[in-house]
């Protein structure tokens, strides 16, 4: 298949839309977990630095997902669906592997 056919393939476009929506919900989930636990740890005996250290990996993963989501959406808006699909899939795969 040529790049033009891949770029206009309806199945690829639908899968890409699903990946972008999944990335959005994963970003939302990461930051909601962070806020929920932050509210649970509002104890004067627990220092705020400890809370930041505990959630450093969550925030790093959320930022990584957010960058993948942003880049995938920008590429999709320029009708580069195949490259957007690859970026979204790579972002999701690396998030699952490393975070």
C-alpha atoms as a PDB file:
ATOM      1  CA  UNK A   1       0.000   0.000   0.000  1.00  0.00           C
ATOM      2  CA  UNK A   2       1.135   3.495  -0.673  1.00  0.00           C
ATOM      3  CA  UNK A   3       1.332   6.196   1.947  1.00  0.00           C
ATOM      4  CA  UNK A   4      -1.670   8.047   0.476  1.00  0.00           C
ATOM      5  CA  UNK A   5      -3.852   4.933   0.695  1.00  0.00           C
ATOM      6  CA  UNK A   6      -2.730   4.299   4.271  1.00  0.00           C
ATOM      7  CA  UNK A   7      -3.356   7.921   5.187  1.00  0.00           C
ATOM      8  CA  UNK A   8      -6.964   7.813   3.923  1.00  0.00           C
ATOM      9  CA  UNK A   9      -7.803   4.302   5.147  1.00  0.00           C
ATOM     10  CA  UNK A  10     -11.040   4.493   7.174  1.00  0.00           C
ATOM     11  CA  UNK A  11     -10.029   1.699   9.548  1.00  0.00           C
ATOM     12  CA  UNK A  12      -6.749   3.444  10.338  1.00  0.00           C
ATOM     13  CA  UNK A  13      -8.570   6.726  10.950  1.00  0.00           C
ATOM     14  CA  UNK A  14     -11.026   5.058  13.341  1.00  0.00           C
ATOM     15  CA  UNK A  15      -8.274   3.225  15.225  1.00  0.00           C
ATOM     16  CA  UNK A  16      -6.288   6.460  15.431  1.00  0.00           C
ATOM     17  CA  UNK A  17      -9.311   8.293  16.849  1.00  0.00           C
ATOM     18  CA  UNK A  18      -9.719   5.510  19.402  1.00  0.00           C
ATOM     19  CA  UNK A  19      -6.052   5.746  20.400  1.00  0.00           C
ATOM     20  CA  UNK A  20      -6.276   9.513  20.830  1.00  0.00           C
ATOM     21  CA  UNK A  21      -9.400   9.139  22.986  1.00  0.00           C
ATOM     22  CA  UNK A  22      -7.688   6.409  25.025  1.00  0.00           C
ATOM     23  CA  UNK A  23      -4.648   8.637  25.559  1.00  0.00           C
ATOM     24  CA  UNK A  24      -6.937  11.447  26.705  1.00  0.00           C
ATOM     25  CA  UNK A  25      -8.658   9.230  29.260  1.00  0.00           C
ATOM     26  CA  UNK A  26      -5.333   7.867  30.509  1.00  0.00           C
ATOM     27  CA  UNK A  27      -4.030  11.419  31.025  1.00  0.00           C
ATOM     28  CA  UNK A  28      -7.237  12.290  32.861  1.00  0.00           C
ATOM     29  CA  UNK A  29      -6.930   9.138  34.986  1.00  0.00           C
ATOM     30  CA  UNK A  30      -3.333   9.880  35.974  1.00  0.00           C
ATOM     31  CA  UNK A  31      -4.089  13.384  37.141  1.00  0.00           C
ATOM     32  CA  UNK A  32      -7.310  12.364  38.910  1.00  0.00           C
ATOM     33  CA  UNK A  33      -5.411   9.695  40.845  1.00  0.00           C
ATOM     34  CA  UNK A  34      -2.852  12.316  41.775  1.00  0.00           C
ATOM     35  CA  UNK A  35      -5.491  14.793  42.999  1.00  0.00           C
ATOM     36  CA  UNK A  36      -7.514  12.156  44.851  1.00  0.00           C
ATOM     37  CA  UNK A  37      -4.524  10.870  46.765  1.00  0.00           C
ATOM     38  CA  UNK A  38      -3.285  14.373  47.421  1.00  0.00           C
ATOM     39  CA  UNK A  39      -6.608  15.144  49.098  1.00  0.00           C
ATOM     40  CA  UNK A  40      -6.289  11.963  51.158  1.00  0.00           C
ATOM     41  CA  UNK A  41      -2.796  12.916  52.299  1.00  0.00           C
ATOM     42  CA  UNK A  42      -3.665  16.372  53.609  1.00  0.00           C
ATOM     43  CA  UNK A  43      -2.377  15.596  57.055  1.00  0.00           C
ATOM     44  CA  UNK A  44      -0.126  18.032  58.900  1.00  0.00           C
ATOM     45  CA  UNK A  45       2.082  15.115  59.948  1.00  0.00           C
ATOM     46  CA  UNK A  46       2.849  14.135  56.334  1.00  0.00           C
ATOM     47  CA  UNK A  47       5.245  16.571  54.664  1.00  0.00           C
ATOM     48  CA  UNK A  48       4.338  17.832  51.195  1.00  0.00           C
ATOM     49  CA  UNK A  49       7.750  16.790  49.893  1.00  0.00           C
ATOM     50  CA  UNK A  50       6.872  13.163  50.608  1.00  0.00           C
ATOM     51  CA  UNK A  51       3.666  13.484  48.595  1.00  0.00           C
ATOM     52  CA  UNK A  52       5.655  14.945  45.693  1.00  0.00           C
ATOM     53  CA  UNK A  53       8.192  12.116  45.834  1.00  0.00           C
ATOM     54  CA  UNK A  54       5.489   9.456  45.878  1.00  0.00           C
ATOM     55  CA  UNK A  55       3.729  10.845  42.809  1.00  0.00           C
ATOM     56  CA  UNK A  56       6.750  11.861  40.790  1.00  0.00           C
ATOM     57  CA  UNK A  57       6.439   8.808  38.523  1.00  0.00           C
ATOM     58  CA  UNK A  58       2.700   9.395  38.021  1.00  0.00           C
ATOM     59  CA  UNK A  59       3.312  12.973  36.975  1.00  0.00           C
ATOM     60  CA  UNK A  60       6.154  11.936  34.660  1.00  0.00           C
ATOM     61  CA  UNK A  61       3.907   9.362  33.007  1.00  0.00           C
ATOM     62  CA  UNK A  62       1.088  11.884  32.694  1.00  0.00           C
ATOM     63  CA  UNK A  63       3.366  14.433  31.063  1.00  0.00           C
ATOM     64  CA  UNK A  64       4.662  11.758  28.675  1.00  0.00           C
ATOM     65  CA  UNK A  65       1.100  10.803  27.724  1.00  0.00           C
ATOM     66  CA  UNK A  66       0.135  14.436  27.349  1.00  0.00           C
ATOM     67  CA  UNK A  67       3.000  15.076  24.942  1.00  0.00           C
ATOM     68  CA  UNK A  68       2.028  12.008  22.899  1.00  0.00           C
ATOM     69  CA  UNK A  69      -1.600  13.109  22.887  1.00  0.00           C
ATOM     70  CA  UNK A  70      -0.714  16.642  21.850  1.00  0.00           C
ATOM     71  CA  UNK A  71       1.627  15.538  19.072  1.00  0.00           C
ATOM     72  CA  UNK A  72      -0.835  12.923  17.790  1.00  0.00           C
ATOM     73  CA  UNK A  73      -3.661  15.442  17.713  1.00  0.00           C
ATOM     74  CA  UNK A  74      -1.549  18.061  15.925  1.00  0.00           C
ATOM     75  CA  UNK A  75      -0.487  15.521  13.293  1.00  0.00           C
ATOM     76  CA  UNK A  76      -4.093  14.410  12.883  1.00  0.00           C
ATOM     77  CA  UNK A  77      -5.231  17.987  12.321  1.00  0.00           C
ATOM     78  CA  UNK A  78      -2.751  18.220   9.417  1.00  0.00           C
ATOM     79  CA  UNK A  79      -4.245  15.011   7.927  1.00  0.00           C
ATOM     80  CA  UNK A  80      -1.133  12.967   8.665  1.00  0.00           C
ATOM     81  CA  UNK A  81      -3.218  10.088   9.988  1.00  0.00           C
ATOM     82  CA  UNK A  82      -0.636   7.331   9.585  1.00  0.00           C
ATOM     83  CA  UNK A  83       2.118   9.257  11.372  1.00  0.00           C
ATOM     84  CA  UNK A  84      -0.377  10.294  14.061  1.00  0.00           C
ATOM     85  CA  UNK A  85      -1.311   6.629  14.501  1.00  0.00           C
ATOM     86  CA  UNK A  86       2.348   5.660  14.889  1.00  0.00           C
ATOM     87  CA  UNK A  87       3.027   8.449  17.411  1.00  0.00           C
ATOM     88  CA  UNK A  88      -0.083   7.588  19.457  1.00  0.00           C
ATOM     89  CA  UNK A  89       0.703   3.874  19.421  1.00  0.00           C
ATOM     90  CA  UNK A  90       4.330   4.499  20.376  1.00  0.00           C
ATOM     91  CA  UNK A  91       3.296   6.828  23.185  1.00  0.00           C
ATOM     92  CA  UNK A  92       0.819   4.303  24.569  1.00  0.00           C
ATOM     93  CA  UNK A  93       3.293   1.421  24.273  1.00  0.00           C
ATOM     94  CA  UNK A  94       6.094   3.292  26.000  1.00  0.00           C
ATOM     95  CA  UNK A  95       3.735   4.416  28.769  1.00  0.00           C
ATOM     96  CA  UNK A  96       2.686   0.822  29.397  1.00  0.00           C
ATOM     97  CA  UNK A  97       6.293  -0.401  29.380  1.00  0.00           C
ATOM     98  CA  UNK A  98       7.965   2.300  31.477  1.00  0.00           C
ATOM     99  CA  UNK A  99       5.253   3.740  33.690  1.00  0.00           C
END
